[in-house]
Amino acid sequence: MDYSIIPYLHQILSIFVIAIFVAISPGADFAMITRNSIVYNRKAGIYSALGVSCALWIHVAYSIGGIALIISKSIILFSIIKYIGAMYLIYIGWKTFRSKEDKDEIIQGVAKKHSISNLKAFQIGFITNALNPKATIFFLSIFTQLIDQTTPLYIQIIYGAIISLAHLIWFSLVAILLTHPAVLKQFQKYKKNIERVVGSILVGLGLKVAISTSR
């Protein structure tokens, strides 16, 4: 079997460019990485980025298997995914918006750093992306426009790897930037306001997903 990628270099380049633009475009994943990075720490942001990257393989798997087409044609199935994802975003956003400072923290005048396990941070990133109906539509469009019956499985896997890696690199960079000492110093000044803004964005994204009629 010929495993040459040369005949598919044009498509690989197209996937690479699309993956970059999709990764950097604002959305639920970006808001969640921002939230976990500034509320918790750099490691939480990076593990959340890893969760997003791994969740993308779920979309890759069902797209290769053709399930994405079924989801796109089933109003009930698509709606279930949409509303679960919307409720999760609203829940996390509301928790962020309503976060309260510890009393001891106020009395001592010290900014107490919230903590979260690496697994929990990973789970938040994973669930956010896995339940994002927009990801379903994205992968459906990619795998129907750039892939046909003659496209080898290993090439499709390469496409998925490019998309997954692009998201991991971008969101890891976001986590690193947001947790830079200079940025954190400014964050501490406006901590409550920033958490409210991020929480509101997450709730807004959840509501947008819930009321969206596009499929």
C-alpha atoms as a PDB file:
ATOM      1  CA  MET A   1       0.000   0.000   0.000  1.00  0.00           C
ATOM      2  CA  ASP A   2       1.287   3.464  -0.928  1.00  0.00           C
ATOM      3  CA  TYR A   3       1.437   5.736   2.135  1.00  0.00           C
ATOM      4  CA  SER A   4       2.663   8.806   0.278  1.00  0.00           C
ATOM      5  CA  ILE A   5       1.106  12.101   1.357  1.00  0.00           C
ATOM      6  CA  ILE A   6       2.367  14.025  -1.677  1.00  0.00           C
ATOM      7  CA  PRO A   7      -0.937  13.744  -3.618  1.00  0.00           C
ATOM      8  CA  TYR A   8      -2.721  15.216  -0.578  1.00  0.00           C
ATOM      9  CA  LEU A   9      -0.335  18.095   0.219  1.00  0.00           C
ATOM     10  CA  HIS A  10      -2.796  20.681  -1.080  1.00  0.00           C
ATOM     11  CA  GLN A  11      -5.585  19.350   1.140  1.00  0.00           C
ATOM     12  CA  ILE A  12      -3.221  19.085   4.114  1.00  0.00           C
ATOM     13  CA  LEU A  13      -2.263  22.734   3.644  1.00  0.00           C
ATOM     14  CA  SER A  14      -5.940  23.682   3.431  1.00  0.00           C
ATOM     15  CA  ILE A  15      -6.700  21.776   6.641  1.00  0.00           C
ATOM     16  CA  PHE A  16      -3.746  23.435   8.363  1.00  0.00           C
ATOM     17  CA  VAL A  17      -4.912  26.961   7.463  1.00  0.00           C
ATOM     18  CA  ILE A  18      -8.517  26.226   8.404  1.00  0.00           C
ATOM     19  CA  ALA A  19      -7.451  24.640  11.718  1.00  0.00           C
ATOM     20  CA  ILE A  20      -5.464  27.731  12.684  1.00  0.00           C
ATOM     21  CA  PHE A  21      -8.332  30.118  11.980  1.00  0.00           C
ATOM     22  CA  VAL A  22     -10.853  27.893  13.768  1.00  0.00           C
ATOM     23  CA  ALA A  23      -8.573  27.575  16.811  1.00  0.00           C
ATOM     24  CA  ILE A  24      -7.981  31.321  17.194  1.00  0.00           C
ATOM     25  CA  SER A  25     -11.599  32.304  16.584  1.00  0.00           C
ATOM     26  CA  PRO A  26     -13.405  33.285  19.825  1.00  0.00           C
ATOM     27  CA  GLY A  27     -15.783  30.696  21.177  1.00  0.00           C
ATOM     28  CA  ALA A  28     -16.627  28.423  24.079  1.00  0.00           C
ATOM     29  CA  ASP A  29     -13.207  26.736  24.085  1.00  0.00           C
ATOM     30  CA  PHE A  30     -11.367  30.058  24.191  1.00  0.00           C
ATOM     31  CA  ALA A  31     -13.592  31.393  26.964  1.00  0.00           C
ATOM     32  CA  MET A  32     -13.108  28.206  29.000  1.00  0.00           C
ATOM     33  CA  ILE A  33      -9.312  28.238  28.626  1.00  0.00           C
ATOM     34  CA  THR A  34      -9.291  31.907  29.631  1.00  0.00           C
ATOM     35  CA  ARG A  35     -11.441  31.189  32.639  1.00  0.00           C
ATOM     36  CA  ASN A  36      -9.375  28.267  33.933  1.00  0.00           C
ATOM     37  CA  SER A  37      -6.083  30.050  33.329  1.00  0.00           C
ATOM     38  CA  ILE A  38      -6.888  33.238  35.200  1.00  0.00           C
ATOM     39  CA  VAL A  39      -9.108  31.748  37.915  1.00  0.00           C
ATOM     40  CA  TYR A  40      -6.780  28.834  38.669  1.00  0.00           C
ATOM     41  CA  ASN A  41      -3.306  28.766  37.134  1.00  0.00           C
ATOM     42  CA  ARG A  42      -1.200  28.124  34.029  1.00  0.00           C
ATOM     43  CA  LYS A  43      -1.194  24.364  34.510  1.00  0.00           C
ATOM     44  CA  ALA A  44      -4.996  24.323  34.683  1.00  0.00           C
ATOM     45  CA  GLY A  45      -5.171  26.251  31.425  1.00  0.00           C
ATOM     46  CA  ILE A  46      -2.741  23.914  29.671  1.00  0.00           C
ATOM     47  CA  TYR A  47      -4.509  20.785  30.922  1.00  0.00           C
ATOM     48  CA  SER A  48      -7.805  22.276  29.742  1.00  0.00           C
ATOM     49  CA  ALA A  49      -6.179  22.879  26.348  1.00  0.00           C
ATOM     50  CA  LEU A  50      -5.132  19.223  26.338  1.00  0.00           C
ATOM     51  CA  GLY A  51      -8.730  18.261  27.122  1.00  0.00           C
ATOM     52  CA  VAL A  52      -9.994  20.286  24.154  1.00  0.00           C
ATOM     53  CA  SER A  53      -7.360  18.728  21.919  1.00  0.00           C
ATOM     54  CA  CYS A  54      -8.313  15.187  22.963  1.00  0.00           C
ATOM     55  CA  ALA A  55     -12.049  15.849  22.634  1.00  0.00           C
ATOM     56  CA  LEU A  56     -11.505  16.829  19.023  1.00  0.00           C
ATOM     57  CA  TRP A  57     -10.647  13.198  18.314  1.00  0.00           C
ATOM     58  CA  ILE A  58     -14.225  12.261  19.183  1.00  0.00           C
ATOM     59  CA  HIS A  59     -15.392  14.493  16.342  1.00  0.00           C
ATOM     60  CA  VAL A  60     -12.701  13.044  14.083  1.00  0.00           C
ATOM     61  CA  ALA A  61     -13.795   9.490  14.908  1.00  0.00           C
ATOM     62  CA  TYR A  62     -17.486   9.922  14.211  1.00  0.00           C
ATOM     63  CA  SER A  63     -16.777  12.011  11.109  1.00  0.00           C
ATOM     64  CA  ILE A  64     -14.631   9.234   9.679  1.00  0.00           C
ATOM     65  CA  GLY A  65     -17.346   6.747  10.631  1.00  0.00           C
ATOM     66  CA  GLY A  66     -20.022   8.834   8.937  1.00  0.00           C
ATOM     67  CA  ILE A  67     -21.981   9.437  12.142  1.00  0.00           C
ATOM     68  CA  ALA A  68     -21.608  13.194  11.745  1.00  0.00           C
ATOM     69  CA  LEU A  69     -23.896  13.015   8.721  1.00  0.00           C
ATOM     70  CA  ILE A  70     -26.497  11.154  10.766  1.00  0.00           C
ATOM     71  CA  ILE A  71     -26.263  13.716  13.579  1.00  0.00           C
ATOM     72  CA  SER A  72     -26.653  16.591  11.124  1.00  0.00           C
ATOM     73  CA  LYS A  73     -29.794  14.979   9.683  1.00  0.00           C
ATOM     74  CA  SER A  74     -31.386  14.041  13.013  1.00  0.00           C
ATOM     75  CA  ILE A  75     -33.128  16.975  14.674  1.00  0.00           C
ATOM     76  CA  ILE A  76     -33.643  15.082  17.941  1.00  0.00           C
ATOM     77  CA  LEU A  77     -30.071  13.814  18.259  1.00  0.00           C
ATOM     78  CA  PHE A  78     -28.556  17.149  17.297  1.00  0.00           C
ATOM     79  CA  SER A  79     -30.865  18.984  19.708  1.00  0.00           C
ATOM     80  CA  ILE A  80     -29.871  16.702  22.597  1.00  0.00           C
ATOM     81  CA  ILE A  81     -26.189  17.449  21.989  1.00  0.00           C
ATOM     82  CA  LYS A  82     -26.926  21.147  21.587  1.00  0.00           C
ATOM     83  CA  TYR A  83     -28.913  21.551  24.798  1.00  0.00           C
ATOM     84  CA  ILE A  84     -26.549  19.493  26.955  1.00  0.00           C
ATOM     85  CA  GLY A  85     -23.650  21.582  25.714  1.00  0.00           C
ATOM     86  CA  ALA A  86     -25.585  24.802  26.275  1.00  0.00           C
ATOM     87  CA  MET A  87     -26.526  23.858  29.841  1.00  0.00           C
ATOM     88  CA  TYR A  88     -22.931  22.964  30.660  1.00  0.00           C
ATOM     89  CA  LEU A  89     -21.661  26.327  29.405  1.00  0.00           C
ATOM     90  CA  ILE A  90     -24.356  28.190  31.332  1.00  0.00           C
ATOM     91  CA  TYR A  91     -23.569  26.216  34.500  1.00  0.00           C
ATOM     92  CA  ILE A  92     -19.831  26.906  34.362  1.00  0.00           C
ATOM     93  CA  GLY A  93     -20.425  30.528  33.380  1.00  0.00           C
ATOM     94  CA  TRP A  94     -22.844  31.103  36.249  1.00  0.00           C
ATOM     95  CA  LYS A  95     -20.414  29.563  38.734  1.00  0.00           C
ATOM     96  CA  THR A  96     -17.682  31.877  37.464  1.00  0.00           C
ATOM     97  CA  PHE A  97     -19.949  34.930  37.559  1.00  0.00           C
ATOM     98  CA  ARG A  98     -21.128  34.146  41.095  1.00  0.00           C
ATOM     99  CA  SER A  99     -17.693  33.255  42.497  1.00  0.00           C
ATOM    100  CA  LYS A 100     -17.086  34.850  45.880  1.00  0.00           C
ATOM    101  CA  GLU A 101     -13.870  35.779  47.609  1.00  0.00           C
ATOM    102  CA  ASP A 102     -12.956  33.866  50.735  1.00  0.00           C
ATOM    103  CA  LYS A 103     -13.573  35.866  53.949  1.00  0.00           C
ATOM    104  CA  ASP A 104     -10.098  35.106  55.244  1.00  0.00           C
ATOM    105  CA  GLU A 105      -8.738  36.357  51.956  1.00  0.00           C
ATOM    106  CA  ILE A 106     -10.502  39.690  52.420  1.00  0.00           C
ATOM    107  CA  ILE A 107      -9.489  40.065  56.057  1.00  0.00           C
ATOM    108  CA  GLN A 108      -5.835  39.261  55.397  1.00  0.00           C
ATOM    109  CA  GLY A 109      -5.769  41.295  52.187  1.00  0.00           C
ATOM    110  CA  VAL A 110      -4.106  38.381  50.430  1.00  0.00           C
ATOM    111  CA  ALA A 111      -5.189  36.985  47.091  1.00  0.00           C
ATOM    112  CA  LYS A 112      -5.776  33.294  47.735  1.00  0.00           C
ATOM    113  CA  LYS A 113      -5.199  31.207  44.649  1.00  0.00           C
ATOM    114  CA  HIS A 114      -7.985  28.799  43.784  1.00  0.00           C
ATOM    115  CA  SER A 115      -6.899  25.260  43.080  1.00  0.00           C
ATOM    116  CA  ILE A 116      -8.087  22.577  40.703  1.00  0.00           C
ATOM    117  CA  SER A 117      -6.728  19.140  39.919  1.00  0.00           C
ATOM    118  CA  ASN A 118      -5.098  18.428  36.567  1.00  0.00           C
ATOM    119  CA  LEU A 119      -7.774  15.815  35.856  1.00  0.00           C
ATOM    120  CA  LYS A 120     -10.598  18.249  36.609  1.00  0.00           C
ATOM    121  CA  ALA A 121      -9.061  20.909  34.374  1.00  0.00           C
ATOM    122  CA  PHE A 122      -8.698  18.312  31.618  1.00  0.00           C
ATOM    123  CA  GLN A 123     -12.321  17.196  32.068  1.00  0.00           C
ATOM    124  CA  ILE A 124     -13.633  20.755  31.797  1.00  0.00           C
ATOM    125  CA  GLY A 125     -11.792  21.334  28.520  1.00  0.00           C
ATOM    126  CA  PHE A 126     -12.785  17.906  27.202  1.00  0.00           C
ATOM    127  CA  ILE A 127     -16.490  18.241  27.996  1.00  0.00           C
ATOM    128  CA  THR A 128     -16.685  21.809  26.703  1.00  0.00           C
ATOM    129  CA  ASN A 129     -15.440  20.780  23.273  1.00  0.00           C
ATOM    130  CA  ALA A 130     -17.083  17.348  23.127  1.00  0.00           C
ATOM    131  CA  LEU A 131     -20.536  18.860  23.745  1.00  0.00           C
ATOM    132  CA  ASN A 132     -20.044  21.785  21.380  1.00  0.00           C
ATOM    133  CA  PRO A 133     -22.496  21.324  18.478  1.00  0.00           C
ATOM    134  CA  LYS A 134     -20.528  23.825  16.416  1.00  0.00           C
ATOM    135  CA  ALA A 135     -17.639  21.352  16.406  1.00  0.00           C
ATOM    136  CA  THR A 136     -19.968  18.768  14.868  1.00  0.00           C
ATOM    137  CA  ILE A 137     -20.875  21.123  12.050  1.00  0.00           C
ATOM    138  CA  PHE A 138     -17.236  22.106  11.545  1.00  0.00           C
ATOM    139  CA  PHE A 139     -16.036  18.534  11.175  1.00  0.00           C
ATOM    140  CA  LEU A 140     -19.008  17.636   9.017  1.00  0.00           C
ATOM    141  CA  SER A 141     -18.144  20.472   6.622  1.00  0.00           C
ATOM    142  CA  ILE A 142     -14.455  19.551   6.562  1.00  0.00           C
ATOM    143  CA  PHE A 143     -14.963  15.824   6.046  1.00  0.00           C
ATOM    144  CA  THR A 144     -17.596  16.294   3.352  1.00  0.00           C
ATOM    145  CA  GLN A 145     -15.825  19.033   1.392  1.00  0.00           C
ATOM    146  CA  LEU A 146     -12.203  17.843   1.505  1.00  0.00           C
ATOM    147  CA  ILE A 147     -12.648  14.089   1.888  1.00  0.00           C
ATOM    148  CA  ASP A 148     -14.244  11.528  -0.391  1.00  0.00           C
ATOM    149  CA  GLN A 149     -14.466   7.743  -0.616  1.00  0.00           C
ATOM    150  CA  THR A 150     -10.993   7.545  -2.147  1.00  0.00           C
ATOM    151  CA  THR A 151      -9.265   9.399   0.698  1.00  0.00           C
ATOM    152  CA  PRO A 152      -7.193   6.859   2.682  1.00  0.00           C
ATOM    153  CA  LEU A 153      -7.874   6.415   6.383  1.00  0.00           C
ATOM    154  CA  TYR A 154      -4.336   7.430   7.340  1.00  0.00           C
ATOM    155  CA  ILE A 155      -4.784  10.746   5.512  1.00  0.00           C
ATOM    156  CA  GLN A 156      -8.026  11.409   7.392  1.00  0.00           C
ATOM    157  CA  ILE A 157      -6.200  10.688  10.646  1.00  0.00           C
ATOM    158  CA  ILE A 158      -3.476  13.146   9.620  1.00  0.00           C
ATOM    159  CA  TYR A 159      -6.173  15.764   9.061  1.00  0.00           C
ATOM    160  CA  GLY A 160      -7.528  15.113  12.550  1.00  0.00           C
ATOM    161  CA  ALA A 161      -4.041  15.282  14.060  1.00  0.00           C
ATOM    162  CA  ILE A 162      -3.410  18.661  12.435  1.00  0.00           C
ATOM    163  CA  ILE A 163      -6.651  20.094  13.793  1.00  0.00           C
ATOM    164  CA  SER A 164      -6.054  18.647  17.267  1.00  0.00           C
ATOM    165  CA  LEU A 165      -2.437  19.850  17.417  1.00  0.00           C
ATOM    166  CA  ALA A 166      -3.360  23.335  16.206  1.00  0.00           C
ATOM    167  CA  HIS A 167      -5.855  23.699  19.053  1.00  0.00           C
ATOM    168  CA  LEU A 168      -3.433  22.325  21.648  1.00  0.00           C
ATOM    169  CA  ILE A 169      -0.651  24.720  20.623  1.00  0.00           C
ATOM    170  CA  TRP A 170      -2.898  27.765  20.386  1.00  0.00           C
ATOM    171  CA  PHE A 171      -4.737  27.271  23.667  1.00  0.00           C
ATOM    172  CA  SER A 172      -1.518  26.383  25.494  1.00  0.00           C
ATOM    173  CA  LEU A 173      -0.060  29.684  24.266  1.00  0.00           C
ATOM    174  CA  VAL A 174      -3.202  31.462  25.480  1.00  0.00           C
ATOM    175  CA  ALA A 175      -2.810  29.861  28.934  1.00  0.00           C
ATOM    176  CA  ILE A 176       0.872  30.816  29.088  1.00  0.00           C
ATOM    177  CA  LEU A 177       0.199  34.404  28.033  1.00  0.00           C
ATOM    178  CA  LEU A 178      -2.692  34.918  30.433  1.00  0.00           C
ATOM    179  CA  THR A 179      -0.650  33.608  33.363  1.00  0.00           C
ATOM    180  CA  HIS A 180       2.373  35.821  32.691  1.00  0.00           C
ATOM    181  CA  PRO A 181       3.263  37.723  35.917  1.00  0.00           C
ATOM    182  CA  ALA A 182       2.533  41.103  34.313  1.00  0.00           C
ATOM    183  CA  VAL A 183      -0.888  39.922  33.146  1.00  0.00           C
ATOM    184  CA  LEU A 184      -1.665  38.301  36.508  1.00  0.00           C
ATOM    185  CA  LYS A 185      -0.764  41.508  38.302  1.00  0.00           C
ATOM    186  CA  GLN A 186      -3.367  43.375  36.290  1.00  0.00           C
ATOM    187  CA  PHE A 187      -5.812  40.530  36.773  1.00  0.00           C
ATOM    188  CA  GLN A 188      -5.556  40.800  40.567  1.00  0.00           C
ATOM    189  CA  LYS A 189      -6.592  44.456  40.340  1.00  0.00           C
ATOM    190  CA  TYR A 190      -9.763  43.649  38.442  1.00  0.00           C
ATOM    191  CA  LYS A 191     -10.266  40.031  39.494  1.00  0.00           C
ATOM    192  CA  LYS A 192     -13.964  40.221  40.282  1.00  0.00           C
ATOM    193  CA  ASN A 193     -14.866  42.228  37.197  1.00  0.00           C
ATOM    194  CA  ILE A 194     -12.911  39.901  34.919  1.00  0.00           C
ATOM    195  CA  GLU A 195     -14.562  36.820  36.413  1.00  0.00           C
ATOM    196  CA  ARG A 196     -17.962  38.421  35.863  1.00  0.00           C
ATOM    197  CA  VAL A 197     -17.122  39.245  32.254  1.00  0.00           C
ATOM    198  CA  VAL A 198     -15.825  35.738  31.530  1.00  0.00           C
ATOM    199  CA  GLY A 199     -18.812  34.205  33.326  1.00  0.00           C
ATOM    200  CA  SER A 200     -21.203  36.361  31.336  1.00  0.00           C
ATOM    201  CA  ILE A 201     -19.503  35.363  28.074  1.00  0.00           C
ATOM    202  CA  LEU A 202     -19.857  31.671  28.913  1.00  0.00           C
ATOM    203  CA  VAL A 203     -23.524  32.097  29.857  1.00  0.00           C
ATOM    204  CA  GLY A 204     -24.066  34.119  26.685  1.00  0.00           C
ATOM    205  CA  LEU A 205     -22.443  31.439  24.558  1.00  0.00           C
ATOM    206  CA  GLY A 206     -24.599  28.811  26.241  1.00  0.00           C
ATOM    207  CA  LEU A 207     -27.763  30.785  25.551  1.00  0.00           C
ATOM    208  CA  LYS A 208     -26.680  31.401  21.967  1.00  0.00           C
ATOM    209  CA  VAL A 209     -26.188  27.667  21.441  1.00  0.00           C
ATOM    210  CA  ALA A 210     -29.539  26.888  23.082  1.00  0.00           C
ATOM    211  CA  ILE A 211     -31.590  29.303  20.943  1.00  0.00           C
ATOM    212  CA  SER A 212     -29.679  28.722  17.720  1.00  0.00           C
ATOM    213  CA  THR A 213     -31.811  27.186  14.992  1.00  0.00           C
ATOM    214  CA  SER A 214     -28.978  26.617  12.517  1.00  0.00           C
ATOM    215  CA  ARG A 215     -27.764  23.068  12.048  1.00  0.00           C
END
